[in-house]
Amino acid sequence: MNKKPVSILFVGALCLAVALWVLSQGSSKTTPTTSPQDAVEQTVQSQQNDDTVDKNPNSSAPTTEEKQAGDAIKQQDTGNETQTTPAPAQDTATVIIVDAAQYGQEIEARAFVSDALQDGTCTYRFERGNETIEKTVDAFADASTTPCVNVFVPRSEFGSAGEWTMTVTYASGILEGSASKTLLLE
């Protein structure tokens, strides 16, 4: 008789028995016999015992100079509590151009603001020589960025083929930023 199938069966049965035992232990939780008041008293007593033992053998009590320096810092901190200085306002936003390309007879452009969560507007400006096309769309803050609404411009609005410079400018109440990219139109 081959011992391999018997061994596998035995190991499987053993695993099943252990799993059932573990599950039965989790479902038979007992209620604590210690009252909440006793638990608090035990915690306080434990903390008092811990405070009497020096856990760091390299530590020493602060010197008089260290105590005076600490007291001086505390005094300065409490004296400044009523004076708050607002953080400087951020006025520059980082615009990221995701795509700017010709797809058949349509030019598509996509961008977002990576470091601001504020509704605003995005202006897509396409330039080549004296030719300029400008489209302004909304930008809506989401959970982590502020995406600009995608722009789709018919190829017929662009006068000539060749290299065009696209600049995306984001503006909100207090933030502004821009980025540029060159795209080739056929």
C-alpha atoms as a PDB file:
ATOM      1  CA  MET A   1       0.000   0.000   0.000  1.00  0.00           C
ATOM      2  CA  ASN A   2       1.248   3.467  -0.907  1.00  0.00           C
ATOM      3  CA  LYS A   3       1.884   5.586   2.217  1.00  0.00           C
ATOM      4  CA  LYS A   4       1.744   8.941   0.379  1.00  0.00           C
ATOM      5  CA  PRO A   5      -2.098   9.221   0.113  1.00  0.00           C
ATOM      6  CA  VAL A   6      -2.467   8.148   3.760  1.00  0.00           C
ATOM      7  CA  SER A   7       0.065  10.779   4.856  1.00  0.00           C
ATOM      8  CA  ILE A   8      -1.698  13.472   2.871  1.00  0.00           C
ATOM      9  CA  LEU A   9      -5.047  12.466   4.375  1.00  0.00           C
ATOM     10  CA  PHE A  10      -3.598  12.509   7.890  1.00  0.00           C
ATOM     11  CA  VAL A  11      -2.032  15.970   7.422  1.00  0.00           C
ATOM     12  CA  GLY A  12      -5.271  17.323   5.943  1.00  0.00           C
ATOM     13  CA  ALA A  13      -7.333  15.961   8.856  1.00  0.00           C
ATOM     14  CA  LEU A  14      -4.845  17.422  11.338  1.00  0.00           C
ATOM     15  CA  CYS A  15      -5.039  20.865   9.652  1.00  0.00           C
ATOM     16  CA  LEU A  16      -8.832  20.720   9.709  1.00  0.00           C
ATOM     17  CA  ALA A  17      -8.849  19.807  13.409  1.00  0.00           C
ATOM     18  CA  VAL A  18      -6.505  22.696  14.262  1.00  0.00           C
ATOM     19  CA  ALA A  19      -8.600  25.144  12.229  1.00  0.00           C
ATOM     20  CA  LEU A  20     -11.802  24.045  13.958  1.00  0.00           C
ATOM     21  CA  TRP A  21     -10.147  24.345  17.374  1.00  0.00           C
ATOM     22  CA  VAL A  22      -8.918  27.886  16.569  1.00  0.00           C
ATOM     23  CA  LEU A  23     -12.390  28.919  15.401  1.00  0.00           C
ATOM     24  CA  SER A  24     -14.015  27.483  18.511  1.00  0.00           C
ATOM     25  CA  GLN A  25     -11.618  29.427  20.740  1.00  0.00           C
ATOM     26  CA  GLY A  26     -12.503  32.712  19.043  1.00  0.00           C
ATOM     27  CA  SER A  27     -16.253  32.236  19.533  1.00  0.00           C
ATOM     28  CA  SER A  28     -16.084  31.315  23.227  1.00  0.00           C
ATOM     29  CA  LYS A  29     -14.799  34.586  24.591  1.00  0.00           C
ATOM     30  CA  THR A  30     -15.416  35.075  28.263  1.00  0.00           C
ATOM     31  CA  THR A  31     -16.371  38.292  29.930  1.00  0.00           C
ATOM     32  CA  PRO A  32     -13.724  39.903  32.124  1.00  0.00           C
ATOM     33  CA  THR A  33     -14.072  39.308  35.818  1.00  0.00           C
ATOM     34  CA  THR A  34     -12.371  42.601  36.640  1.00  0.00           C
ATOM     35  CA  SER A  35     -14.654  45.564  37.136  1.00  0.00           C
ATOM     36  CA  PRO A  36     -13.865  48.799  35.285  1.00  0.00           C
ATOM     37  CA  GLN A  37     -12.950  50.456  38.609  1.00  0.00           C
ATOM     38  CA  ASP A  38     -10.485  47.639  39.425  1.00  0.00           C
ATOM     39  CA  ALA A  39      -8.944  47.926  35.945  1.00  0.00           C
ATOM     40  CA  VAL A  40      -8.367  51.663  36.422  1.00  0.00           C
ATOM     41  CA  GLU A  41      -6.805  51.111  39.830  1.00  0.00           C
ATOM     42  CA  GLN A  42      -4.523  48.390  38.417  1.00  0.00           C
ATOM     43  CA  THR A  43      -3.429  50.698  35.591  1.00  0.00           C
ATOM     44  CA  VAL A  44      -2.682  53.557  37.989  1.00  0.00           C
ATOM     45  CA  GLN A  45      -0.740  51.235  40.297  1.00  0.00           C
ATOM     46  CA  SER A  46       1.217  49.859  37.322  1.00  0.00           C
ATOM     47  CA  GLN A  47       2.107  53.364  36.147  1.00  0.00           C
ATOM     48  CA  GLN A  48       3.215  54.369  39.645  1.00  0.00           C
ATOM     49  CA  ASN A  49       5.477  51.327  39.804  1.00  0.00           C
ATOM     50  CA  ASP A  50       6.894  52.099  36.360  1.00  0.00           C
ATOM     51  CA  ASP A  51       7.686  55.697  37.344  1.00  0.00           C
ATOM     52  CA  THR A  52       9.997  54.574  40.148  1.00  0.00           C
ATOM     53  CA  VAL A  53      12.186  52.486  37.849  1.00  0.00           C
ATOM     54  CA  ASP A  54      14.758  54.234  35.654  1.00  0.00           C
ATOM     55  CA  LYS A  55      14.261  52.592  32.256  1.00  0.00           C
ATOM     56  CA  ASN A  56      17.247  54.323  30.659  1.00  0.00           C
ATOM     57  CA  PRO A  57      20.484  53.712  32.550  1.00  0.00           C
ATOM     58  CA  ASN A  58      22.180  56.561  30.629  1.00  0.00           C
ATOM     59  CA  SER A  59      19.618  59.188  31.658  1.00  0.00           C
ATOM     60  CA  SER A  60      20.121  61.633  34.472  1.00  0.00           C
ATOM     61  CA  ALA A  61      18.032  64.312  36.096  1.00  0.00           C
ATOM     62  CA  PRO A  62      18.174  67.692  34.317  1.00  0.00           C
ATOM     63  CA  THR A  63      20.764  70.120  35.594  1.00  0.00           C
ATOM     64  CA  THR A  64      19.823  73.497  37.025  1.00  0.00           C
ATOM     65  CA  GLU A  65      20.873  75.175  33.758  1.00  0.00           C
ATOM     66  CA  GLU A  66      18.741  72.775  31.723  1.00  0.00           C
ATOM     67  CA  LYS A  67      15.739  73.455  33.961  1.00  0.00           C
ATOM     68  CA  GLN A  68      16.238  77.233  33.632  1.00  0.00           C
ATOM     69  CA  ALA A  69      16.578  76.989  29.844  1.00  0.00           C
ATOM     70  CA  GLY A  70      13.393  74.896  29.682  1.00  0.00           C
ATOM     71  CA  ASP A  71      11.524  77.348  31.892  1.00  0.00           C
ATOM     72  CA  ALA A  72      12.657  80.256  29.682  1.00  0.00           C
ATOM     73  CA  ILE A  73      11.389  78.495  26.572  1.00  0.00           C
ATOM     74  CA  LYS A  74       8.073  77.747  28.276  1.00  0.00           C
ATOM     75  CA  GLN A  75       7.761  81.403  29.261  1.00  0.00           C
ATOM     76  CA  GLN A  76       8.387  82.511  25.660  1.00  0.00           C
ATOM     77  CA  ASP A  77       5.867  80.011  24.328  1.00  0.00           C
ATOM     78  CA  THR A  78       3.118  81.068  26.740  1.00  0.00           C
ATOM     79  CA  GLY A  79       3.793  84.732  25.998  1.00  0.00           C
ATOM     80  CA  ASN A  80       3.225  84.151  22.267  1.00  0.00           C
ATOM     81  CA  GLU A  81       0.018  82.168  22.516  1.00  0.00           C
ATOM     82  CA  THR A  82      -2.220  85.054  21.490  1.00  0.00           C
ATOM     83  CA  GLN A  83      -0.087  86.029  18.513  1.00  0.00           C
ATOM     84  CA  THR A  84      -0.638  83.846  15.470  1.00  0.00           C
ATOM     85  CA  THR A  85       1.101  84.404  12.201  1.00  0.00           C
ATOM     86  CA  PRO A  86      -0.801  83.094   9.199  1.00  0.00           C
ATOM     87  CA  ALA A  87       1.148  80.920   6.812  1.00  0.00           C
ATOM     88  CA  PRO A  88       2.188  82.710   3.643  1.00  0.00           C
ATOM     89  CA  ALA A  89      -0.357  82.228   0.894  1.00  0.00           C
ATOM     90  CA  GLN A  90       0.676  80.012  -1.953  1.00  0.00           C
ATOM     91  CA  ASP A  91       0.242  81.898  -5.185  1.00  0.00           C
ATOM     92  CA  THR A  92       1.810  79.549  -7.742  1.00  0.00           C
ATOM     93  CA  ALA A  93       0.152  76.385  -8.974  1.00  0.00           C
ATOM     94  CA  THR A  94       1.853  73.592 -10.921  1.00  0.00           C
ATOM     95  CA  VAL A  95       0.093  72.796 -14.197  1.00  0.00           C
ATOM     96  CA  ILE A  96       0.746  69.394 -15.777  1.00  0.00           C
ATOM     97  CA  ILE A  97      -0.108  68.857 -19.456  1.00  0.00           C
ATOM     98  CA  VAL A  98      -1.205  65.270 -19.884  1.00  0.00           C
ATOM     99  CA  ASP A  99      -1.873  65.286 -23.629  1.00  0.00           C
ATOM    100  CA  ALA A 100      -1.824  67.701 -26.531  1.00  0.00           C
ATOM    101  CA  ALA A 101      -2.078  66.074 -29.928  1.00  0.00           C
ATOM    102  CA  GLN A 102      -3.970  65.832 -33.189  1.00  0.00           C
ATOM    103  CA  TYR A 103      -6.306  62.875 -33.532  1.00  0.00           C
ATOM    104  CA  GLY A 104      -7.675  62.834 -37.057  1.00  0.00           C
ATOM    105  CA  GLN A 105      -9.492  66.134 -37.611  1.00  0.00           C
ATOM    106  CA  GLU A 106      -9.533  67.075 -33.927  1.00  0.00           C
ATOM    107  CA  ILE A 107      -6.930  68.459 -31.542  1.00  0.00           C
ATOM    108  CA  GLU A 108      -7.288  67.197 -27.983  1.00  0.00           C
ATOM    109  CA  ALA A 109      -5.654  68.752 -24.935  1.00  0.00           C
ATOM    110  CA  ARG A 110      -5.776  67.606 -21.312  1.00  0.00           C
ATOM    111  CA  ALA A 111      -4.184  69.148 -18.219  1.00  0.00           C
ATOM    112  CA  PHE A 112      -4.477  69.280 -14.434  1.00  0.00           C
ATOM    113  CA  VAL A 113      -3.109  71.178 -11.457  1.00  0.00           C
ATOM    114  CA  SER A 114      -1.055  68.863  -9.263  1.00  0.00           C
ATOM    115  CA  ASP A 115      -0.620  70.925  -6.106  1.00  0.00           C
ATOM    116  CA  ALA A 116      -3.903  72.761  -5.619  1.00  0.00           C
ATOM    117  CA  LEU A 117      -7.378  71.642  -4.644  1.00  0.00           C
ATOM    118  CA  GLN A 118      -9.315  74.682  -5.731  1.00  0.00           C
ATOM    119  CA  ASP A 119     -11.923  75.244  -8.419  1.00  0.00           C
ATOM    120  CA  GLY A 120     -10.895  77.700 -11.090  1.00  0.00           C
ATOM    121  CA  THR A 121     -10.491  78.045 -14.846  1.00  0.00           C
ATOM    122  CA  CYS A 122      -8.001  76.746 -17.371  1.00  0.00           C
ATOM    123  CA  THR A 123      -7.225  78.663 -20.537  1.00  0.00           C
ATOM    124  CA  TYR A 124      -5.756  76.656 -23.405  1.00  0.00           C
ATOM    125  CA  ARG A 125      -3.907  79.001 -25.773  1.00  0.00           C
ATOM    126  CA  PHE A 126      -2.575  77.701 -29.095  1.00  0.00           C
ATOM    127  CA  GLU A 127      -0.088  79.965 -30.925  1.00  0.00           C
ATOM    128  CA  ARG A 128       1.837  79.872 -34.179  1.00  0.00           C
ATOM    129  CA  GLY A 129       3.206  83.116 -35.567  1.00  0.00           C
ATOM    130  CA  ASN A 130       0.302  85.600 -35.728  1.00  0.00           C
ATOM    131  CA  GLU A 131      -2.348  82.893 -35.283  1.00  0.00           C
ATOM    132  CA  THR A 132      -3.914  82.407 -31.845  1.00  0.00           C
ATOM    133  CA  ILE A 133      -6.732  80.154 -30.684  1.00  0.00           C
ATOM    134  CA  GLU A 134      -7.918  80.374 -27.091  1.00  0.00           C
ATOM    135  CA  LYS A 135     -10.367  78.153 -25.190  1.00  0.00           C
ATOM    136  CA  THR A 136     -11.296  78.676 -21.533  1.00  0.00           C
ATOM    137  CA  VAL A 137     -12.825  75.836 -19.522  1.00  0.00           C
ATOM    138  CA  ASP A 138     -13.614  75.083 -15.883  1.00  0.00           C
ATOM    139  CA  ALA A 139     -11.292  73.294 -13.487  1.00  0.00           C
ATOM    140  CA  PHE A 140     -12.893  71.362 -10.647  1.00  0.00           C
ATOM    141  CA  ALA A 141     -10.998  70.161  -7.569  1.00  0.00           C
ATOM    142  CA  ASP A 142     -11.308  66.459  -6.844  1.00  0.00           C
ATOM    143  CA  ALA A 143      -9.796  64.324  -4.074  1.00  0.00           C
ATOM    144  CA  SER A 144      -6.143  64.882  -4.952  1.00  0.00           C
ATOM    145  CA  THR A 145      -5.773  67.298  -7.909  1.00  0.00           C
ATOM    146  CA  THR A 146      -7.648  69.921  -9.879  1.00  0.00           C
ATOM    147  CA  PRO A 147      -8.272  68.636 -13.412  1.00  0.00           C
ATOM    148  CA  CYS A 148      -9.054  71.037 -16.232  1.00  0.00           C
ATOM    149  CA  VAL A 149     -11.955  70.055 -18.478  1.00  0.00           C
ATOM    150  CA  ASN A 150     -10.559  68.494 -21.665  1.00  0.00           C
ATOM    151  CA  VAL A 151     -10.490  70.639 -24.788  1.00  0.00           C
ATOM    152  CA  PHE A 152     -11.387  69.369 -28.256  1.00  0.00           C
ATOM    153  CA  VAL A 153     -10.744  71.826 -31.107  1.00  0.00           C
ATOM    154  CA  PRO A 154     -11.626  71.040 -34.724  1.00  0.00           C
ATOM    155  CA  ARG A 155      -8.546  71.026 -36.981  1.00  0.00           C
ATOM    156  CA  SER A 156     -10.361  73.494 -39.253  1.00  0.00           C
ATOM    157  CA  GLU A 157      -9.927  76.258 -36.608  1.00  0.00           C
ATOM    158  CA  PHE A 158      -6.155  76.083 -37.040  1.00  0.00           C
ATOM    159  CA  GLY A 159      -5.018  77.983 -40.103  1.00  0.00           C
ATOM    160  CA  SER A 160      -1.745  76.286 -40.898  1.00  0.00           C
ATOM    161  CA  ALA A 161      -0.005  72.998 -40.345  1.00  0.00           C
ATOM    162  CA  GLY A 162       3.263  72.753 -38.444  1.00  0.00           C
ATOM    163  CA  GLU A 163       4.488  73.362 -34.906  1.00  0.00           C
ATOM    164  CA  TRP A 164       2.115  75.136 -32.536  1.00  0.00           C
ATOM    165  CA  THR A 165       2.797  76.116 -28.934  1.00  0.00           C
ATOM    166  CA  MET A 166       0.057  75.351 -26.482  1.00  0.00           C
ATOM    167  CA  THR A 167       0.052  77.087 -23.096  1.00  0.00           C
ATOM    168  CA  VAL A 168      -2.363  76.053 -20.368  1.00  0.00           C
ATOM    169  CA  THR A 169      -2.959  78.688 -17.692  1.00  0.00           C
ATOM    170  CA  TYR A 170      -4.811  77.835 -14.497  1.00  0.00           C
ATOM    171  CA  ALA A 171      -6.331  80.590 -12.352  1.00  0.00           C
ATOM    172  CA  SER A 172      -8.398  80.542  -9.175  1.00  0.00           C
ATOM    173  CA  GLY A 173      -9.116  83.171  -6.562  1.00  0.00           C
ATOM    174  CA  ILE A 174      -5.547  83.167  -5.238  1.00  0.00           C
ATOM    175  CA  LEU A 175      -3.559  80.696  -7.346  1.00  0.00           C
ATOM    176  CA  GLU A 176      -2.172  80.861 -10.846  1.00  0.00           C
ATOM    177  CA  GLY A 177       0.150  78.695 -12.887  1.00  0.00           C
ATOM    178  CA  SER A 178       0.924  77.684 -16.443  1.00  0.00           C
ATOM    179  CA  ALA A 179       2.750  75.136 -18.581  1.00  0.00           C
ATOM    180  CA  SER A 180       3.562  74.946 -22.290  1.00  0.00           C
ATOM    181  CA  LYS A 181       4.032  72.229 -24.847  1.00  0.00           C
ATOM    182  CA  THR A 182       4.785  72.106 -28.555  1.00  0.00           C
ATOM    183  CA  LEU A 183       2.499  70.068 -30.779  1.00  0.00           C
ATOM    184  CA  LEU A 184       2.728  69.227 -34.458  1.00  0.00           C
ATOM    185  CA  LEU A 185      -0.379  69.665 -36.614  1.00  0.00           C
ATOM    186  CA  GLU A 186      -0.752  68.091 -40.024  1.00  0.00           C
END
